N, C-alpha and C. Protein backbone atom coordinates (compact mmCIF):
# COMPACT_ATOMS: atom_id res chain seq x y z
N UNK A 1 -80.72 27.96 113.68
CA UNK A 1 -82.00 28.05 113.02
C UNK A 1 -81.94 29.13 111.94
N UNK A 2 -82.40 28.82 110.75
CA UNK A 2 -82.47 29.78 109.65
C UNK A 2 -83.79 30.51 109.71
N UNK A 3 -83.72 31.82 109.64
CA UNK A 3 -84.93 32.64 109.68
C UNK A 3 -85.51 32.77 108.29
N UNK A 4 -86.83 32.78 108.19
CA UNK A 4 -87.49 32.98 106.91
C UNK A 4 -87.32 34.44 106.49
N UNK A 5 -86.85 34.66 105.28
CA UNK A 5 -86.64 36.01 104.77
C UNK A 5 -87.92 36.53 104.13
N UNK A 6 -88.13 37.85 104.14
CA UNK A 6 -89.34 38.41 103.53
C UNK A 6 -89.20 38.61 102.02
N UNK A 7 -88.35 37.80 101.38
CA UNK A 7 -88.17 37.85 99.94
C UNK A 7 -87.61 36.50 99.49
N UNK A 8 -87.79 36.21 98.23
CA UNK A 8 -87.22 34.98 97.66
C UNK A 8 -85.77 35.23 97.28
N UNK A 9 -84.94 34.20 97.41
CA UNK A 9 -83.55 34.35 97.03
C UNK A 9 -83.48 34.70 95.54
N UNK A 10 -82.87 35.84 95.20
CA UNK A 10 -82.90 36.30 93.81
C UNK A 10 -82.00 35.46 92.90
N UNK A 11 -82.50 35.11 91.69
CA UNK A 11 -81.70 34.36 90.74
C UNK A 11 -80.81 35.26 89.89
N UNK A 12 -81.00 36.58 89.97
CA UNK A 12 -80.22 37.53 89.19
C UNK A 12 -80.20 38.87 89.89
N UNK A 13 -79.55 39.86 89.26
CA UNK A 13 -79.48 41.19 89.86
C UNK A 13 -80.86 41.82 89.95
N UNK A 14 -81.02 42.69 90.92
CA UNK A 14 -82.32 43.32 91.17
C UNK A 14 -82.33 44.77 90.71
N UNK A 15 -83.54 45.26 90.41
CA UNK A 15 -83.68 46.67 90.05
C UNK A 15 -83.96 47.49 91.31
N UNK A 16 -84.04 48.81 91.13
CA UNK A 16 -84.19 49.69 92.29
C UNK A 16 -85.48 49.47 93.06
N UNK A 17 -86.58 49.23 92.35
CA UNK A 17 -87.85 48.98 93.04
C UNK A 17 -87.79 47.71 93.87
N UNK A 18 -87.17 46.66 93.34
CA UNK A 18 -87.03 45.41 94.09
C UNK A 18 -86.14 45.61 95.32
N UNK A 19 -85.06 46.35 95.17
CA UNK A 19 -84.17 46.62 96.30
C UNK A 19 -84.87 47.42 97.38
N UNK A 20 -85.67 48.39 96.97
CA UNK A 20 -86.41 49.20 97.94
C UNK A 20 -87.39 48.34 98.72
N UNK A 21 -88.06 47.43 98.05
CA UNK A 21 -89.02 46.54 98.71
C UNK A 21 -88.32 45.60 99.69
N UNK A 22 -87.16 45.09 99.30
CA UNK A 22 -86.39 44.20 100.19
C UNK A 22 -85.91 44.97 101.42
N UNK A 23 -85.36 46.17 101.23
CA UNK A 23 -84.88 46.96 102.37
C UNK A 23 -86.03 47.25 103.33
N UNK A 24 -87.19 47.62 102.80
CA UNK A 24 -88.36 47.89 103.64
C UNK A 24 -88.80 46.62 104.37
N UNK A 25 -88.89 45.52 103.66
CA UNK A 25 -89.33 44.26 104.26
C UNK A 25 -88.43 43.79 105.38
N UNK A 26 -87.11 43.92 105.17
CA UNK A 26 -86.16 43.50 106.21
C UNK A 26 -86.22 44.48 107.40
N UNK A 27 -86.34 45.78 107.12
CA UNK A 27 -86.43 46.76 108.21
C UNK A 27 -87.62 46.48 109.11
N UNK A 28 -88.70 46.04 108.53
CA UNK A 28 -89.91 45.75 109.31
C UNK A 28 -89.84 44.45 110.08
N UNK A 29 -88.85 43.62 109.79
CA UNK A 29 -88.68 42.33 110.47
C UNK A 29 -87.49 42.38 111.43
N UNK A 30 -87.68 42.99 112.57
CA UNK A 30 -86.62 43.15 113.56
C UNK A 30 -85.94 41.83 113.92
N UNK A 31 -86.69 40.73 113.86
CA UNK A 31 -86.10 39.42 114.22
C UNK A 31 -84.96 39.03 113.29
N UNK A 32 -84.86 39.67 112.11
CA UNK A 32 -83.79 39.35 111.17
C UNK A 32 -82.48 40.05 111.49
N UNK A 33 -82.51 41.10 112.32
CA UNK A 33 -81.28 41.85 112.57
C UNK A 33 -81.08 42.31 114.01
N UNK A 34 -82.12 42.52 114.76
CA UNK A 34 -81.98 43.15 116.09
C UNK A 34 -81.09 42.34 117.04
N UNK A 35 -81.19 41.03 117.03
CA UNK A 35 -80.41 40.21 117.95
C UNK A 35 -78.93 40.17 117.61
N UNK A 36 -78.57 40.44 116.35
CA UNK A 36 -77.17 40.38 115.92
C UNK A 36 -76.51 41.74 115.80
N UNK A 37 -77.29 42.81 115.91
CA UNK A 37 -76.75 44.16 115.70
C UNK A 37 -76.29 44.74 117.03
N UNK A 38 -74.98 44.84 117.19
CA UNK A 38 -74.39 45.42 118.38
C UNK A 38 -74.55 46.94 118.29
N UNK A 39 -74.95 47.57 119.38
CA UNK A 39 -75.16 49.01 119.39
C UNK A 39 -74.17 49.66 120.35
N UNK A 40 -73.37 50.56 119.81
CA UNK A 40 -72.37 51.25 120.61
C UNK A 40 -72.22 52.68 120.10
N UNK A 41 -71.97 53.60 121.03
CA UNK A 41 -71.76 54.99 120.62
C UNK A 41 -70.38 55.20 120.02
N UNK A 42 -69.45 54.27 120.27
CA UNK A 42 -68.09 54.42 119.79
C UNK A 42 -67.96 54.44 118.29
N UNK A 43 -68.76 53.65 117.59
CA UNK A 43 -68.72 53.61 116.13
C UNK A 43 -70.00 52.99 115.60
N UNK A 44 -70.26 53.23 114.31
CA UNK A 44 -71.38 52.54 113.69
C UNK A 44 -71.07 51.05 113.68
N UNK A 45 -72.07 50.24 113.86
CA UNK A 45 -71.88 48.80 113.77
C UNK A 45 -72.88 48.26 112.75
N UNK A 46 -72.63 47.06 112.27
CA UNK A 46 -73.49 46.48 111.26
C UNK A 46 -73.56 44.97 111.41
N UNK A 47 -74.58 44.40 110.80
CA UNK A 47 -74.69 42.95 110.72
C UNK A 47 -75.19 42.59 109.33
N UNK A 48 -74.65 41.51 108.81
CA UNK A 48 -75.08 41.00 107.51
C UNK A 48 -76.37 40.21 107.71
N UNK A 49 -77.39 40.52 106.93
CA UNK A 49 -78.66 39.81 106.99
C UNK A 49 -78.71 38.71 105.94
N UNK A 50 -78.23 39.02 104.73
CA UNK A 50 -78.27 38.05 103.63
C UNK A 50 -77.29 38.48 102.55
N UNK A 51 -76.59 37.52 101.96
CA UNK A 51 -75.75 37.78 100.78
C UNK A 51 -75.73 36.54 99.90
N UNK A 52 -75.93 36.78 98.59
CA UNK A 52 -75.64 35.75 97.60
C UNK A 52 -74.93 36.45 96.45
N UNK A 53 -74.85 35.84 95.27
CA UNK A 53 -74.13 36.44 94.16
C UNK A 53 -74.81 37.69 93.61
N UNK A 54 -76.09 37.90 93.94
CA UNK A 54 -76.86 38.99 93.33
C UNK A 54 -77.36 40.05 94.31
N UNK A 55 -77.28 39.79 95.60
CA UNK A 55 -77.87 40.68 96.59
C UNK A 55 -77.09 40.64 97.90
N UNK A 56 -76.91 41.81 98.50
CA UNK A 56 -76.35 41.92 99.84
C UNK A 56 -77.27 42.80 100.68
N UNK A 57 -77.63 42.34 101.88
CA UNK A 57 -78.51 43.10 102.77
C UNK A 57 -77.83 43.22 104.14
N UNK A 58 -77.79 44.47 104.64
CA UNK A 58 -77.12 44.78 105.89
C UNK A 58 -78.00 45.65 106.76
N UNK A 59 -77.89 45.51 108.07
CA UNK A 59 -78.50 46.44 109.03
C UNK A 59 -77.36 47.19 109.69
N UNK A 60 -77.52 48.52 109.83
CA UNK A 60 -76.47 49.37 110.38
C UNK A 60 -77.03 50.20 111.53
N UNK A 61 -76.27 50.27 112.62
CA UNK A 61 -76.66 51.03 113.81
C UNK A 61 -75.91 52.36 113.83
N UNK A 62 -76.66 53.42 114.08
CA UNK A 62 -76.14 54.79 114.19
C UNK A 62 -76.54 55.30 115.57
N UNK A 63 -75.63 55.38 116.50
CA UNK A 63 -75.98 55.71 117.88
C UNK A 63 -75.53 57.10 118.32
N UNK A 64 -74.61 57.71 117.60
CA UNK A 64 -74.00 58.95 118.07
C UNK A 64 -74.07 60.01 116.97
N UNK A 65 -74.18 61.27 117.36
CA UNK A 65 -74.26 62.36 116.40
C UNK A 65 -73.03 62.43 115.49
N UNK A 66 -71.91 61.86 115.90
CA UNK A 66 -70.69 61.90 115.08
C UNK A 66 -70.67 60.81 114.01
N UNK A 67 -71.59 59.88 114.01
CA UNK A 67 -71.58 58.80 113.02
C UNK A 67 -71.91 59.35 111.65
N UNK A 68 -70.99 59.14 110.69
CA UNK A 68 -71.02 59.80 109.40
C UNK A 68 -70.24 58.94 108.40
N UNK A 69 -70.82 58.65 107.25
CA UNK A 69 -70.10 57.87 106.24
C UNK A 69 -69.12 58.71 105.45
N UNK A 70 -69.30 60.03 105.42
CA UNK A 70 -68.57 60.86 104.47
C UNK A 70 -69.13 60.61 103.08
N UNK A 71 -68.75 61.45 102.13
CA UNK A 71 -69.24 61.28 100.76
C UNK A 71 -68.58 60.05 100.14
N UNK A 72 -69.39 59.22 99.50
CA UNK A 72 -68.89 57.99 98.92
C UNK A 72 -69.77 57.54 97.76
N UNK A 73 -69.22 56.65 96.94
CA UNK A 73 -70.00 55.96 95.92
C UNK A 73 -70.01 54.48 96.29
N UNK A 74 -70.66 53.67 95.48
CA UNK A 74 -70.79 52.24 95.79
C UNK A 74 -70.12 51.35 94.75
N UNK A 75 -69.10 51.88 94.09
CA UNK A 75 -68.31 51.07 93.17
C UNK A 75 -69.13 50.43 92.07
N UNK A 76 -70.10 51.15 91.53
CA UNK A 76 -70.91 50.63 90.43
C UNK A 76 -72.08 49.76 90.86
N UNK A 77 -72.43 49.79 92.13
CA UNK A 77 -73.53 48.98 92.66
C UNK A 77 -74.73 49.90 92.93
N UNK A 78 -75.93 49.42 92.67
CA UNK A 78 -77.14 50.18 93.00
C UNK A 78 -77.70 49.67 94.32
N UNK A 79 -78.53 50.51 94.96
CA UNK A 79 -79.01 50.09 96.27
C UNK A 79 -80.22 50.86 96.74
N UNK A 80 -80.69 50.44 97.91
CA UNK A 80 -81.81 51.08 98.59
C UNK A 80 -81.56 51.03 100.08
N UNK A 81 -82.06 52.04 100.79
CA UNK A 81 -81.93 52.14 102.24
C UNK A 81 -83.31 52.39 102.81
N UNK A 82 -83.61 51.74 103.93
CA UNK A 82 -84.86 51.98 104.65
C UNK A 82 -84.52 52.19 106.12
N UNK A 83 -85.09 53.23 106.72
CA UNK A 83 -84.82 53.53 108.13
C UNK A 83 -85.79 52.72 108.98
N UNK A 84 -85.23 51.83 109.81
CA UNK A 84 -86.05 50.98 110.68
C UNK A 84 -86.38 51.68 111.99
N UNK A 85 -85.43 52.49 112.51
CA UNK A 85 -85.61 53.23 113.76
C UNK A 85 -84.86 54.54 113.64
N UNK A 86 -85.38 55.59 114.25
CA UNK A 86 -84.66 56.85 114.35
C UNK A 86 -84.70 57.69 113.08
N UNK A 87 -83.63 58.48 112.89
CA UNK A 87 -83.54 59.42 111.77
C UNK A 87 -82.09 59.53 111.31
N UNK A 88 -81.88 59.48 110.00
CA UNK A 88 -80.57 59.78 109.44
C UNK A 88 -80.73 60.99 108.52
N UNK A 89 -79.61 61.57 108.14
CA UNK A 89 -79.60 62.65 107.16
C UNK A 89 -78.92 62.09 105.92
N UNK A 90 -79.58 62.24 104.78
CA UNK A 90 -79.05 61.78 103.50
C UNK A 90 -78.70 63.01 102.68
N UNK A 91 -77.43 63.09 102.25
CA UNK A 91 -76.94 64.27 101.54
C UNK A 91 -76.32 63.91 100.20
N UNK A 92 -76.49 64.83 99.24
CA UNK A 92 -75.84 64.72 97.93
C UNK A 92 -74.87 65.88 97.77
N UNK A 93 -73.71 65.57 97.24
CA UNK A 93 -72.68 66.56 97.00
C UNK A 93 -73.08 67.46 95.83
N UNK A 94 -72.79 68.76 95.99
CA UNK A 94 -72.94 69.71 94.89
C UNK A 94 -71.62 70.46 94.76
N UNK A 95 -71.13 70.59 93.57
CA UNK A 95 -69.86 71.29 93.38
C UNK A 95 -70.04 72.78 93.60
N UNK A 96 -69.19 73.35 94.42
CA UNK A 96 -69.19 74.78 94.67
C UNK A 96 -70.32 75.28 95.55
N UNK A 97 -71.13 74.39 96.07
CA UNK A 97 -72.25 74.79 96.92
C UNK A 97 -72.38 73.83 98.08
N UNK A 98 -73.16 74.27 99.07
CA UNK A 98 -73.45 73.42 100.22
C UNK A 98 -74.21 72.18 99.73
N UNK A 99 -73.95 71.00 100.33
CA UNK A 99 -74.69 69.80 99.92
C UNK A 99 -76.19 69.98 100.12
N UNK A 100 -76.96 69.26 99.35
CA UNK A 100 -78.40 69.24 99.54
C UNK A 100 -78.72 67.97 100.31
N UNK A 101 -79.54 68.09 101.35
CA UNK A 101 -79.83 66.93 102.17
C UNK A 101 -81.22 66.98 102.75
N UNK A 102 -81.63 65.83 103.27
CA UNK A 102 -82.93 65.75 103.92
C UNK A 102 -82.89 64.71 105.02
N UNK A 103 -83.80 64.88 105.97
CA UNK A 103 -83.98 63.87 107.01
C UNK A 103 -84.73 62.70 106.41
N UNK A 104 -84.34 61.51 106.81
CA UNK A 104 -85.07 60.31 106.45
C UNK A 104 -85.41 59.62 107.77
N UNK A 105 -86.69 59.56 108.09
CA UNK A 105 -87.16 59.06 109.38
C UNK A 105 -87.60 57.60 109.29
N UNK A 106 -87.79 56.99 110.46
CA UNK A 106 -88.26 55.60 110.53
C UNK A 106 -89.49 55.43 109.64
N UNK A 107 -89.48 54.36 108.86
CA UNK A 107 -90.58 54.08 107.95
C UNK A 107 -90.38 54.65 106.56
N UNK A 108 -89.32 55.45 106.37
CA UNK A 108 -89.02 56.04 105.07
C UNK A 108 -87.74 55.44 104.51
N UNK A 109 -87.53 55.63 103.23
CA UNK A 109 -86.31 55.14 102.61
C UNK A 109 -85.99 55.90 101.35
N UNK A 110 -84.95 55.47 100.68
CA UNK A 110 -84.55 56.04 99.40
C UNK A 110 -83.76 54.98 98.64
N UNK A 111 -83.56 55.24 97.37
CA UNK A 111 -82.78 54.32 96.55
C UNK A 111 -81.82 55.13 95.69
N UNK A 112 -80.80 54.45 95.15
CA UNK A 112 -79.78 55.14 94.36
C UNK A 112 -79.27 54.21 93.28
N UNK A 113 -78.95 54.82 92.12
CA UNK A 113 -78.40 54.01 91.03
C UNK A 113 -76.89 53.88 91.22
N UNK A 114 -76.24 53.28 90.25
CA UNK A 114 -74.82 52.97 90.37
C UNK A 114 -73.89 54.15 90.11
N UNK A 115 -74.45 55.36 89.93
CA UNK A 115 -73.61 56.54 89.68
C UNK A 115 -73.60 57.53 90.84
N UNK A 116 -74.38 57.29 91.88
CA UNK A 116 -74.60 58.27 92.95
C UNK A 116 -73.39 58.41 93.87
N UNK A 117 -73.10 59.67 94.23
CA UNK A 117 -72.17 60.00 95.31
C UNK A 117 -73.02 60.64 96.39
N UNK A 118 -73.00 60.07 97.57
CA UNK A 118 -73.83 60.59 98.65
C UNK A 118 -73.15 60.40 100.00
N UNK A 119 -73.82 60.91 101.02
CA UNK A 119 -73.32 60.82 102.39
C UNK A 119 -74.52 60.52 103.28
N UNK A 120 -74.32 59.71 104.28
CA UNK A 120 -75.33 59.46 105.29
C UNK A 120 -74.69 59.76 106.64
N UNK A 121 -75.47 60.42 107.49
CA UNK A 121 -74.97 60.68 108.83
C UNK A 121 -76.14 60.66 109.80
N UNK A 122 -75.82 60.38 111.05
CA UNK A 122 -76.83 60.38 112.09
C UNK A 122 -77.38 61.79 112.22
N UNK A 123 -78.69 61.92 112.24
CA UNK A 123 -79.30 63.24 112.42
C UNK A 123 -79.04 63.68 113.85
N UNK A 124 -78.36 64.82 114.04
CA UNK A 124 -78.03 65.26 115.40
C UNK A 124 -79.27 65.30 116.31
N UNK A 125 -79.12 64.68 117.48
CA UNK A 125 -80.19 64.67 118.47
C UNK A 125 -81.30 63.68 118.21
N UNK A 126 -81.17 62.85 117.19
CA UNK A 126 -82.28 61.96 116.79
C UNK A 126 -82.40 60.70 117.64
N UNK A 127 -81.40 60.39 118.44
CA UNK A 127 -81.46 59.16 119.22
C UNK A 127 -81.03 57.95 118.40
N UNK A 128 -81.09 56.77 118.98
CA UNK A 128 -80.64 55.56 118.29
C UNK A 128 -81.36 55.37 116.95
N UNK A 129 -80.56 55.01 115.94
CA UNK A 129 -81.08 54.86 114.58
C UNK A 129 -80.56 53.56 113.99
N UNK A 130 -81.40 52.87 113.22
CA UNK A 130 -81.00 51.67 112.49
C UNK A 130 -81.49 51.82 111.06
N UNK A 131 -80.60 51.54 110.11
CA UNK A 131 -80.95 51.55 108.69
C UNK A 131 -80.70 50.16 108.11
N UNK A 132 -81.50 49.80 107.12
CA UNK A 132 -81.30 48.54 106.39
C UNK A 132 -80.94 48.90 104.95
N UNK A 133 -79.86 48.29 104.46
CA UNK A 133 -79.31 48.57 103.13
C UNK A 133 -79.38 47.31 102.29
N UNK A 134 -79.87 47.45 101.05
CA UNK A 134 -79.91 46.33 100.10
C UNK A 134 -79.15 46.76 98.86
N UNK A 135 -78.18 45.95 98.42
CA UNK A 135 -77.33 46.26 97.28
C UNK A 135 -77.40 45.15 96.24
N UNK A 136 -77.39 45.54 94.96
CA UNK A 136 -77.31 44.55 93.89
C UNK A 136 -76.45 45.10 92.77
N UNK A 137 -75.41 44.34 92.41
CA UNK A 137 -74.90 43.15 93.09
C UNK A 137 -74.37 43.51 94.48
N UNK A 138 -73.97 42.52 95.27
CA UNK A 138 -73.47 42.83 96.62
C UNK A 138 -72.30 43.81 96.57
N UNK A 139 -72.23 44.65 97.58
CA UNK A 139 -71.20 45.67 97.67
C UNK A 139 -69.84 45.03 97.97
N UNK A 140 -68.83 45.35 97.17
CA UNK A 140 -67.47 44.87 97.43
C UNK A 140 -66.48 46.00 97.62
N UNK A 141 -66.80 47.19 97.04
CA UNK A 141 -65.90 48.33 97.16
C UNK A 141 -66.72 49.62 97.16
N UNK A 142 -66.25 50.59 97.92
CA UNK A 142 -66.80 51.94 97.85
C UNK A 142 -65.66 52.87 97.46
N UNK A 143 -66.03 54.04 97.01
CA UNK A 143 -65.06 55.11 96.78
C UNK A 143 -65.40 56.23 97.72
N UNK A 144 -64.45 56.63 98.55
CA UNK A 144 -64.69 57.71 99.50
C UNK A 144 -64.08 59.01 98.96
N UNK A 145 -64.81 60.12 99.13
CA UNK A 145 -64.42 61.40 98.54
C UNK A 145 -64.15 62.43 99.62
N UNK A 146 -63.16 63.28 99.36
CA UNK A 146 -62.88 64.39 100.25
C UNK A 146 -61.79 65.25 99.67
N UNK A 147 -61.70 66.46 100.18
CA UNK A 147 -60.67 67.39 99.75
C UNK A 147 -59.37 67.01 100.44
N UNK A 148 -58.34 66.79 99.65
CA UNK A 148 -57.04 66.42 100.19
C UNK A 148 -56.21 67.69 100.47
N UNK A 149 -55.00 67.49 100.98
CA UNK A 149 -54.13 68.61 101.31
C UNK A 149 -53.84 69.51 100.12
N UNK A 150 -53.93 68.97 98.90
CA UNK A 150 -53.66 69.77 97.70
C UNK A 150 -54.87 70.61 97.27
N UNK A 151 -55.99 70.51 98.04
CA UNK A 151 -57.18 71.29 97.73
C UNK A 151 -58.07 70.68 96.67
N UNK A 152 -57.69 69.52 96.15
CA UNK A 152 -58.46 68.86 95.10
C UNK A 152 -59.31 67.74 95.70
N UNK A 153 -60.41 67.44 95.02
CA UNK A 153 -61.26 66.33 95.42
C UNK A 153 -60.61 65.03 94.98
N UNK A 154 -60.52 64.09 95.90
CA UNK A 154 -59.91 62.79 95.60
C UNK A 154 -60.89 61.67 95.94
N UNK A 155 -60.79 60.56 95.19
CA UNK A 155 -61.54 59.34 95.47
C UNK A 155 -60.56 58.32 96.03
N UNK A 156 -60.91 57.75 97.19
CA UNK A 156 -60.08 56.74 97.82
C UNK A 156 -60.83 55.42 97.74
N UNK A 157 -60.36 54.45 96.90
CA UNK A 157 -61.02 53.14 96.86
C UNK A 157 -60.92 52.45 98.21
N UNK A 158 -62.04 51.89 98.67
CA UNK A 158 -62.12 51.31 100.00
C UNK A 158 -62.88 49.99 99.93
N UNK A 159 -62.35 48.96 100.54
CA UNK A 159 -63.05 47.68 100.61
C UNK A 159 -64.37 47.86 101.36
N UNK A 160 -65.37 47.11 100.97
CA UNK A 160 -66.67 47.19 101.66
C UNK A 160 -66.57 46.72 103.10
N UNK A 161 -65.50 46.04 103.45
CA UNK A 161 -65.29 45.60 104.83
C UNK A 161 -64.81 46.74 105.73
N UNK A 162 -64.26 47.80 105.12
CA UNK A 162 -63.73 48.91 105.91
C UNK A 162 -64.84 49.86 106.34
N UNK A 163 -64.73 50.35 107.54
CA UNK A 163 -65.69 51.28 108.12
C UNK A 163 -65.65 52.61 107.37
N UNK A 164 -66.77 53.05 106.77
CA UNK A 164 -66.82 54.33 106.08
C UNK A 164 -66.81 55.47 107.08
N UNK A 165 -65.97 56.46 106.81
CA UNK A 165 -65.90 57.67 107.63
C UNK A 165 -65.41 58.78 106.71
N UNK A 166 -65.70 60.03 107.04
CA UNK A 166 -65.26 61.12 106.17
C UNK A 166 -63.76 61.08 105.92
N UNK A 167 -63.38 61.31 104.66
CA UNK A 167 -61.97 61.38 104.25
C UNK A 167 -61.71 62.81 103.81
N UNK A 168 -60.77 63.48 104.44
CA UNK A 168 -60.47 64.85 104.07
C UNK A 168 -61.61 65.79 104.40
N UNK A 169 -61.53 67.02 103.92
CA UNK A 169 -62.55 68.02 104.16
C UNK A 169 -63.82 67.64 103.41
N UNK A 170 -64.94 67.59 104.11
CA UNK A 170 -66.22 67.21 103.50
C UNK A 170 -67.10 68.40 103.20
N UNK A 171 -66.63 69.61 103.45
CA UNK A 171 -67.45 70.78 103.22
C UNK A 171 -68.44 70.97 104.34
N UNK A 172 -69.33 71.93 104.19
CA UNK A 172 -70.33 72.26 105.20
C UNK A 172 -71.53 71.36 105.03
N UNK A 173 -71.97 70.65 106.08
CA UNK A 173 -73.15 69.78 105.95
C UNK A 173 -74.42 70.56 105.65
N UNK A 174 -75.40 69.88 105.11
CA UNK A 174 -76.71 70.50 104.94
C UNK A 174 -77.30 70.75 106.32
N UNK A 175 -78.30 71.59 106.38
CA UNK A 175 -78.90 71.94 107.67
C UNK A 175 -80.25 71.29 107.84
N UNK A 176 -80.59 71.06 109.09
CA UNK A 176 -81.90 70.54 109.44
C UNK A 176 -82.94 71.62 109.12
N UNK A 177 -83.99 71.24 108.41
CA UNK A 177 -84.99 72.22 108.02
C UNK A 177 -86.33 72.01 108.72
N UNK A 178 -86.46 70.95 109.47
CA UNK A 178 -87.72 70.73 110.18
C UNK A 178 -87.49 70.33 111.61
């Protein structure tokens, strides 16, 4: 059975406002992802909700305090994230300083253009968390960032099929402020 989506199939690439609305709409429709999203503390898990030539939508489970994408980009793709359950921490890298970050709780979201380098991690002690991600065009590659043995920042091209995790030294995380 095909489930009715809370958006029309897009005929072209979407802008940030459209992506944010899609991520929110899918997050609010648990029937689109809850039955297919395996939840385990061992690693983040995900399920594909929808993909065509112009849009990719995924639901991701964050069950453990160690779940962390590490700093990454989206290979020239723009996107939006909406938290369906729980709390994640969204961080931006700053050169020579501690990252700047904030909690993003259920019912909240954010969006990013095709130039952003960021990190998402499970907010320590927040309990089970699910995020919905909408990308346009669909995500095919990410670039993961970290300090290598030579002390320099490196970008590691990574297929979108590969599980994102911190690569090299990620610096000191931002702190919980509330």
